[in-house]
Protein backbone atom coordinates (compact mmCIF):
# COMPACT_ATOMS: atom_id res chain seq x y z
CA MET A 1 39.18 5.33 67.03
CA GLY A 2 42.10 6.28 69.29
CA HIS A 3 43.67 4.44 72.14
CA ARG A 4 45.43 5.20 75.39
CA LEU A 5 47.83 3.30 77.58
CA ILE A 6 47.52 2.65 81.31
CA GLU A 7 50.80 2.02 83.09
CA LEU A 8 50.79 -1.30 84.94
CA SER A 9 54.51 -1.57 85.79
CA MET A 10 56.19 -0.25 88.91
CA GLU A 11 59.28 1.92 88.92
CA VAL A 12 62.51 0.06 89.71
CA HIS A 13 64.78 1.94 92.09
CA LYS A 14 67.24 1.60 94.95
CA GLY A 15 65.49 0.94 98.25
CA MET A 16 62.30 -0.50 96.74
CA VAL A 17 60.53 -3.33 98.57
CA ILE A 18 61.60 -6.66 97.06
CA TYR A 19 60.83 -10.31 97.70
CA PRO A 20 63.20 -11.91 100.23
CA GLY A 21 66.25 -13.58 98.71
CA ASN A 22 66.38 -11.42 95.60
CA VAL A 23 69.25 -9.13 94.59
CA PRO A 24 68.13 -5.50 95.07
CA PRO A 25 68.54 -3.07 92.20
CA ALA A 26 71.61 -0.86 91.89
CA ILE A 27 71.36 1.68 89.07
CA ASN A 28 74.23 4.10 88.67
CA VAL A 29 75.79 6.37 86.07
CA TYR A 30 79.11 4.86 85.01
CA TYR A 31 80.38 7.64 82.75
CA SER A 32 79.31 11.25 83.16
CA HIS A 33 78.67 13.23 79.98
CA GLU A 34 82.11 14.80 80.27
CA GLU A 35 83.86 11.46 80.97
CA TYR A 36 82.18 9.75 78.05
CA ALA A 37 83.15 12.58 75.73
CA LYS A 38 86.78 12.00 76.73
CA GLU A 39 86.41 8.21 76.39
CA THR A 40 85.16 8.52 72.82
CA GLY A 41 87.37 11.45 71.84
CA ALA A 42 84.38 13.70 71.23
CA ASP A 43 85.69 16.21 73.74
CA LYS A 44 88.35 17.25 71.22
CA TYR A 45 85.53 18.61 69.09
CA GLY A 46 83.70 20.26 71.97
CA VAL A 47 80.95 17.64 71.97
CA GLU A 48 79.35 16.10 75.05
CA HIS A 49 76.71 13.92 73.45
CA CYS A 50 75.70 11.21 75.93
CA ASN A 51 76.66 9.09 78.90
CA ASN A 52 75.95 5.57 80.13
CA GLY A 53 75.40 3.62 83.29
CA VAL A 54 75.33 0.20 84.88
CA ILE A 55 72.38 -1.82 86.22
CA VAL A 56 72.73 -4.74 88.63
CA MET A 57 69.65 -6.52 89.96
CA GLY A 58 67.94 -9.86 90.30
CA ASP A 59 65.59 -11.14 87.61
CA HIS A 60 62.55 -11.05 89.92
CA ILE A 61 62.71 -7.32 90.66
CA GLY A 62 59.78 -5.01 89.97
CA THR A 63 57.08 -5.99 87.50
CA HIS A 64 58.34 -9.23 86.00
CA MET A 65 57.23 -12.46 84.38
CA ASP A 66 58.27 -15.81 85.79
CA SER A 67 59.58 -18.26 83.24
CA TRP A 68 58.51 -21.91 83.21
CA PHE A 69 62.12 -22.76 84.12
CA HIS A 70 61.72 -20.78 87.37
CA CYS A 71 59.95 -23.75 88.96
CA ASN A 72 60.63 -26.56 86.49
CA PRO A 73 64.27 -27.45 85.82
CA ASN A 74 63.12 -29.63 82.91
CA ALA A 75 61.42 -26.79 81.05
CA PRO A 76 62.62 -26.40 77.45
CA GLY A 77 64.24 -23.02 77.93
CA ALA A 78 64.20 -20.14 80.40
CA ALA A 79 63.09 -16.51 80.05
CA GLU A 80 64.20 -16.42 76.43
CA ALA A 81 61.64 -19.16 75.68
CA ILE A 82 58.53 -17.41 77.03
CA PRO A 83 56.06 -17.49 74.10
CA LEU A 84 55.17 -13.97 72.99
CA GLU A 85 51.67 -15.06 71.98
CA TYR A 86 50.86 -15.49 75.67
CA CYS A 87 52.09 -11.99 76.54
CA TYR A 88 49.71 -9.91 74.41
CA GLY A 89 45.98 -10.38 74.20
CA ASN A 90 42.58 -9.93 75.78
CA GLY A 91 42.88 -8.75 79.36
CA VAL A 92 40.40 -9.65 82.10
CA VAL A 93 40.51 -7.98 85.52
CA LEU A 94 39.07 -9.98 88.41
CA ASN A 95 38.20 -7.97 91.50
CA LEU A 96 39.55 -9.84 94.52
CA THR A 97 39.98 -6.81 96.77
CA HIS A 98 37.77 -8.42 99.40
CA LYS A 99 40.41 -11.08 100.06
CA GLY A 100 42.45 -10.17 103.12
CA PRO A 101 46.16 -10.43 103.88
CA GLY A 102 47.35 -14.02 103.87
CA GLU A 103 44.10 -15.41 102.51
CA GLU A 104 43.93 -17.91 99.70
CA ILE A 105 42.27 -17.16 96.36
CA LEU A 106 40.09 -20.21 95.81
CA VAL A 107 38.30 -21.58 92.76
CA GLU A 108 35.02 -20.23 94.09
CA ASP A 109 36.59 -16.77 94.36
CA ILE A 110 37.58 -16.90 90.69
CA GLU A 111 34.13 -18.13 89.69
CA ALA A 112 32.41 -15.39 91.72
CA ALA A 113 34.64 -12.66 90.26
CA LEU A 114 33.90 -13.87 86.73
CA ALA A 115 30.17 -14.00 87.44
CA GLU A 116 30.33 -10.44 88.77
CA ILE A 117 31.55 -9.19 85.39
CA ASN A 118 29.48 -11.70 83.39
CA HIS A 119 32.53 -13.13 81.65
CA GLU A 120 33.23 -16.69 80.58
CA VAL A 121 36.93 -17.44 80.34
CA GLN A 122 38.19 -17.84 76.79
CA PRO A 123 41.40 -19.61 75.73
CA LEU A 124 44.43 -17.29 76.02
CA ASP A 125 42.57 -14.71 78.09
CA ILE A 126 45.13 -12.94 80.26
CA ILE A 127 43.74 -12.99 83.79
CA LEU A 128 44.74 -10.09 86.04
CA LEU A 129 44.06 -10.53 89.75
CA ARG A 130 43.27 -7.20 91.36
CA THR A 131 43.96 -7.20 95.09
CA ASP A 132 45.08 -3.55 95.47
CA ALA A 133 48.07 -4.79 97.48
CA SER A 134 50.31 -2.74 95.18
CA LYS A 135 49.06 0.45 96.82
CA GLN A 136 51.38 -0.46 99.70
CA ARG A 137 54.39 -1.15 97.47
CA HIS A 138 56.47 1.55 99.17
CA SER A 139 55.85 0.08 102.63
CA PRO A 140 57.30 -3.03 104.32
CA ASN A 141 53.67 -4.17 104.64
CA TYR A 142 53.80 -4.94 100.91
CA LEU A 143 55.64 -8.14 101.81
CA LYS A 144 52.75 -9.59 103.79
CA ASP A 145 49.49 -7.72 103.20
CA HIS A 146 48.22 -9.63 100.18
CA PRO A 147 46.28 -12.77 99.32
CA GLY A 148 47.63 -15.40 96.94
CA MET A 149 46.53 -18.05 94.50
CA THR A 150 45.91 -21.68 95.34
CA LYS A 151 47.07 -24.46 93.04
CA GLU A 152 43.43 -25.45 92.50
CA ALA A 153 42.56 -21.96 91.21
CA VAL A 154 45.55 -22.02 88.86
CA HIS A 155 44.56 -25.43 87.50
CA TRP A 156 40.97 -24.23 87.04
CA LEU A 157 42.12 -21.38 84.81
CA LEU A 158 44.60 -23.55 82.92
CA ASP A 159 41.83 -26.07 82.22
CA ARG A 160 40.03 -23.26 80.37
CA GLY A 161 42.96 -22.35 78.15
CA VAL A 162 44.53 -19.54 80.17
CA MET A 163 48.33 -19.47 79.88
CA MET A 164 49.17 -16.10 81.43
CA MET A 165 48.04 -14.62 84.74
CA GLY A 166 49.15 -11.63 86.75
CA ILE A 167 48.72 -10.17 90.22
CA ASP A 168 49.25 -6.73 91.76
CA ALA A 169 51.15 -8.18 94.72
CA ILE A 170 54.74 -9.06 95.49
CA GLY A 171 54.01 -12.78 95.18
CA PHE A 172 51.61 -14.99 93.28
CA ASP A 173 51.21 -17.29 96.28
CA PRO A 174 50.13 -16.13 99.76
CA PRO A 175 52.76 -14.40 101.94
CA ILE A 176 55.59 -16.55 103.27
CA ASP A 177 54.36 -16.67 106.88
CA ALA A 178 50.87 -17.70 105.80
CA MET A 179 52.23 -20.47 103.57
CA PHE A 180 54.35 -21.92 106.36
CA GLU A 181 51.46 -21.74 108.84
CA ARG A 182 49.37 -23.85 106.46
CA GLY A 183 52.23 -26.08 105.39
CA LYS A 184 51.40 -25.23 101.77
CA LEU A 185 54.56 -23.83 100.20
CA TRP A 186 54.49 -22.00 96.87
CA GLU A 187 51.82 -24.38 95.56
CA ALA A 188 50.64 -21.98 92.82
CA HIS A 189 54.22 -21.66 91.56
CA ARG A 190 54.71 -25.41 91.76
CA VAL A 191 51.89 -26.02 89.30
CA MET A 192 54.68 -25.37 86.78
CA ARG A 193 56.10 -28.74 87.80
CA GLU A 194 53.04 -30.32 86.23
CA ARG A 195 51.99 -27.91 83.48
CA GLU A 196 53.27 -25.03 81.42
CA TYR A 197 52.00 -21.62 82.44
CA TYR A 198 53.31 -18.13 83.20
CA HIS A 199 52.49 -15.41 85.69
CA ILE A 200 53.40 -11.80 86.35
CA GLU A 201 54.04 -10.30 89.78
CA ASN A 202 54.19 -6.69 91.01
CA LEU A 203 51.60 -5.22 88.67
CA ILE A 204 50.17 -1.83 89.62
CA ASN A 205 47.16 0.35 88.74
CA LEU A 206 44.73 -2.46 87.97
CA ASP A 207 42.11 -0.24 89.62
CA GLN A 208 42.65 2.34 86.86
CA ILE A 209 41.48 0.05 84.06
CA PRO A 210 37.99 1.42 83.35
CA GLU A 211 36.29 -1.85 82.38
CA PRO A 212 37.26 -5.37 83.46
CA THR A 213 37.12 -6.69 79.88
CA GLY A 214 37.36 -5.26 76.38
CA PHE A 215 40.97 -4.05 76.61
CA THR A 216 44.27 -5.39 75.35
CA PHE A 217 47.01 -6.36 77.79
CA SER A 218 50.66 -6.25 76.77
CA ALA A 219 53.67 -7.35 78.83
CA LEU A 220 56.63 -8.25 76.63
CA PRO A 221 59.54 -9.89 78.50
CA ILE A 222 63.17 -9.01 77.92
CA LYS A 223 64.80 -11.93 76.09
CA LEU A 224 67.31 -12.95 78.77
CA ARG A 225 68.80 -16.33 77.94
CA GLY A 226 68.97 -18.57 80.99
CA ALA A 227 67.14 -16.16 83.31
CA THR A 228 64.46 -17.49 85.66
CA ALA A 229 62.30 -14.42 85.03
CA ALA A 230 62.27 -11.31 82.89
CA PRO A 231 61.32 -7.68 83.58
CA VAL A 232 58.28 -6.51 81.61
CA ARG A 233 56.70 -3.15 80.78
CA ALA A 234 53.07 -4.02 81.30
CA VAL A 235 50.31 -1.80 79.92
CA ALA A 236 46.58 -1.93 79.33
CA ILE A 237 45.62 -0.62 75.89
CA ILE A 238 42.23 1.05 76.01
CA ASN A 239 40.33 1.84 72.83
CA ASP A 240 38.37 5.08 73.15
């Protein structure tokens, strides 16, 4: 039996749409091939073998995983402490594309999406919330045209043994304007004040996963000591 990979991570680049308050990415070549050959002395032998660059960006850029420390200053570690066993496992895609911009994803929405695929949540299932908001990731509308999780829906999944969740939107909570209108600010994030859990933002291509269950999800975080989040290369592994 073979397998194939479905790309679930967005490309990081200058000018991409990012969440307000984050440091945008700057990716530049530092040494050209010719300059690096001179730096290493390889030019004396007629060799131009490689070059290198510099990357500057915030830790919540592109497809990334929030650490427990992101919302809980008392967490025992930051991005370097994210348990790998929560980052690789059985993936479950929940279709929430009917939820409109600014709307809340409620417990009943999670229950209905699970019933639609006839799946009962198992401990350590990795729940992927498909909203299709990521299709607008190159537009300013990406900042506001998405639904978001409620704290009650997060608790409901945690009560069933889920430790990792992900969404194909710029934020796990509703858009900023919608949160302030309701007076409910980053409540899904703030569940981390009460309980350990992790979530991924800025996933893409959840619509390309052929079946909502029966695949392996992998999103391994870079081990950045002290970081509030870590970039991930998220993929769905499909057995054919």
